[in-house]
């Protein structure tokens, strides 16, 4: 897969994830929760 397709795929995923959040604050909370899950998995 070339780089252009990869970039568009990542952009699409980010946009879909952001559409689940109504606000930037909601996006921050989602990122925080994801970080907590990663920390829990690392323990």
N, C-alpha and C. Protein backbone atom coordinates (compact mmCIF):
# COMPACT_ATOMS: atom_id res chain seq x y z
N UNK A 1 0.86 -1.18 0.00
CA UNK A 1 0.00 0.00 0.00
C UNK A 1 0.90 1.23 0.00
N UNK A 2 0.59 2.18 -0.84
CA UNK A 2 1.45 3.35 -0.87
C UNK A 2 1.12 4.33 0.25
N UNK A 3 1.98 5.27 0.45
CA UNK A 3 1.87 6.20 1.58
C UNK A 3 0.59 7.03 1.49
N UNK A 4 0.19 7.40 0.30
CA UNK A 4 -1.00 8.23 0.14
C UNK A 4 -2.24 7.50 0.67
N UNK A 5 -2.37 6.22 0.38
CA UNK A 5 -3.50 5.45 0.89
C UNK A 5 -3.44 5.33 2.40
N UNK A 6 -2.25 5.15 2.93
CA UNK A 6 -2.06 5.05 4.37
C UNK A 6 -2.50 6.34 5.06
N UNK A 7 -2.08 7.48 4.54
CA UNK A 7 -2.44 8.77 5.12
C UNK A 7 -3.95 8.98 5.08
N UNK A 8 -4.58 8.66 3.97
CA UNK A 8 -6.04 8.81 3.87
C UNK A 8 -6.75 7.88 4.84
N UNK A 9 -6.23 6.67 5.01
CA UNK A 9 -6.83 5.73 5.95
C UNK A 9 -6.75 6.23 7.39
N UNK A 10 -5.59 6.75 7.77
CA UNK A 10 -5.42 7.29 9.12
C UNK A 10 -6.34 8.49 9.31
N UNK A 11 -6.40 9.35 8.32
CA UNK A 11 -7.27 10.52 8.41
C UNK A 11 -8.73 10.12 8.57
N UNK A 12 -9.15 9.13 7.84
CA UNK A 12 -10.53 8.65 7.94
C UNK A 12 -10.82 8.10 9.33
N UNK A 13 -9.89 7.33 9.87
CA UNK A 13 -10.08 6.78 11.21
C UNK A 13 -10.17 7.90 12.25
N UNK A 14 -9.30 8.89 12.12
CA UNK A 14 -9.33 10.02 13.06
C UNK A 14 -10.65 10.78 12.96
N UNK A 15 -11.11 11.01 11.75
CA UNK A 15 -12.37 11.74 11.58
C UNK A 15 -13.54 10.95 12.13
N UNK A 16 -13.55 9.64 11.93
CA UNK A 16 -14.63 8.82 12.48
C UNK A 16 -14.60 8.82 14.01
N UNK A 17 -13.40 8.76 14.56
CA UNK A 17 -13.27 8.78 16.03
C UNK A 17 -13.74 10.13 16.57
N UNK A 18 -13.38 11.19 15.88
CA UNK A 18 -13.78 12.53 16.33
C UNK A 18 -15.28 12.75 16.19
N UNK A 19 -15.90 12.11 15.23
CA UNK A 19 -17.34 12.29 15.05
C UNK A 19 -18.11 11.68 16.21
N UNK A 20 -17.49 10.73 16.93
CA UNK A 20 -18.11 10.15 18.11
C UNK A 20 -18.06 11.09 19.29
N UNK A 21 -17.23 12.10 19.22
CA UNK A 21 -17.09 13.07 20.30
C UNK A 21 -17.79 14.37 19.87
N UNK A 22 -18.66 14.86 20.72
CA UNK A 22 -19.38 16.08 20.35
C UNK A 22 -18.53 17.32 20.53
N UNK A 23 -17.55 17.26 21.41
CA UNK A 23 -16.72 18.44 21.66
C UNK A 23 -15.27 18.04 21.75
N UNK A 24 -14.41 19.03 21.74
CA UNK A 24 -12.99 18.79 21.92
C UNK A 24 -12.73 18.24 23.31
N UNK A 25 -13.50 18.68 24.28
CA UNK A 25 -13.38 18.16 25.64
C UNK A 25 -13.69 16.66 25.66
N UNK A 26 -14.70 16.27 24.93
CA UNK A 26 -15.05 14.86 24.83
C UNK A 26 -13.93 14.05 24.20
N UNK A 27 -13.27 14.63 23.22
CA UNK A 27 -12.14 13.95 22.58
C UNK A 27 -11.01 13.78 23.59
N UNK A 28 -10.76 14.80 24.40
CA UNK A 28 -9.73 14.71 25.43
C UNK A 28 -10.05 13.61 26.43
N UNK A 29 -11.30 13.50 26.80
CA UNK A 29 -11.71 12.45 27.74
C UNK A 29 -11.52 11.07 27.12
N UNK A 30 -11.83 10.93 25.85
CA UNK A 30 -11.65 9.66 25.16
C UNK A 30 -10.18 9.27 25.13
N UNK A 31 -9.30 10.23 24.85
CA UNK A 31 -7.87 9.96 24.80
C UNK A 31 -7.38 9.58 26.20
N UNK A 32 -7.89 10.27 27.21
CA UNK A 32 -7.50 9.96 28.58
C UNK A 32 -7.91 8.54 28.97
N UNK A 33 -9.12 8.15 28.61
CA UNK A 33 -9.60 6.80 28.91
C UNK A 33 -8.75 5.75 28.19
N UNK A 34 -8.41 6.04 26.94
CA UNK A 34 -7.57 5.10 26.18
C UNK A 34 -6.21 4.96 26.85
N UNK A 35 -5.65 6.08 27.33
CA UNK A 35 -4.36 6.04 28.03
C UNK A 35 -4.45 5.22 29.31
N UNK A 36 -5.56 5.36 30.03
CA UNK A 36 -5.74 4.59 31.26
C UNK A 36 -5.81 3.09 30.96
N UNK A 37 -6.50 2.73 29.90
CA UNK A 37 -6.60 1.31 29.53
C UNK A 37 -5.23 0.75 29.15
N UNK A 38 -4.43 1.54 28.46
CA UNK A 38 -3.10 1.10 28.07
C UNK A 38 -2.24 0.91 29.32
N UNK A 39 -2.35 1.84 30.27
CA UNK A 39 -1.59 1.71 31.52
C UNK A 39 -2.01 0.47 32.28
N UNK A 40 -3.32 0.20 32.33
CA UNK A 40 -3.81 -0.98 33.03
C UNK A 40 -3.28 -2.26 32.37
N UNK A 41 -3.25 -2.27 31.06
CA UNK A 41 -2.77 -3.44 30.34
C UNK A 41 -1.28 -3.64 30.56
N UNK A 42 -0.55 -2.56 30.77
CA UNK A 42 0.90 -2.65 30.98
C UNK A 42 1.24 -3.20 32.36
N UNK A 43 0.32 -3.05 33.31
CA UNK A 43 0.59 -3.51 34.68
C UNK A 43 0.51 -4.99 34.84
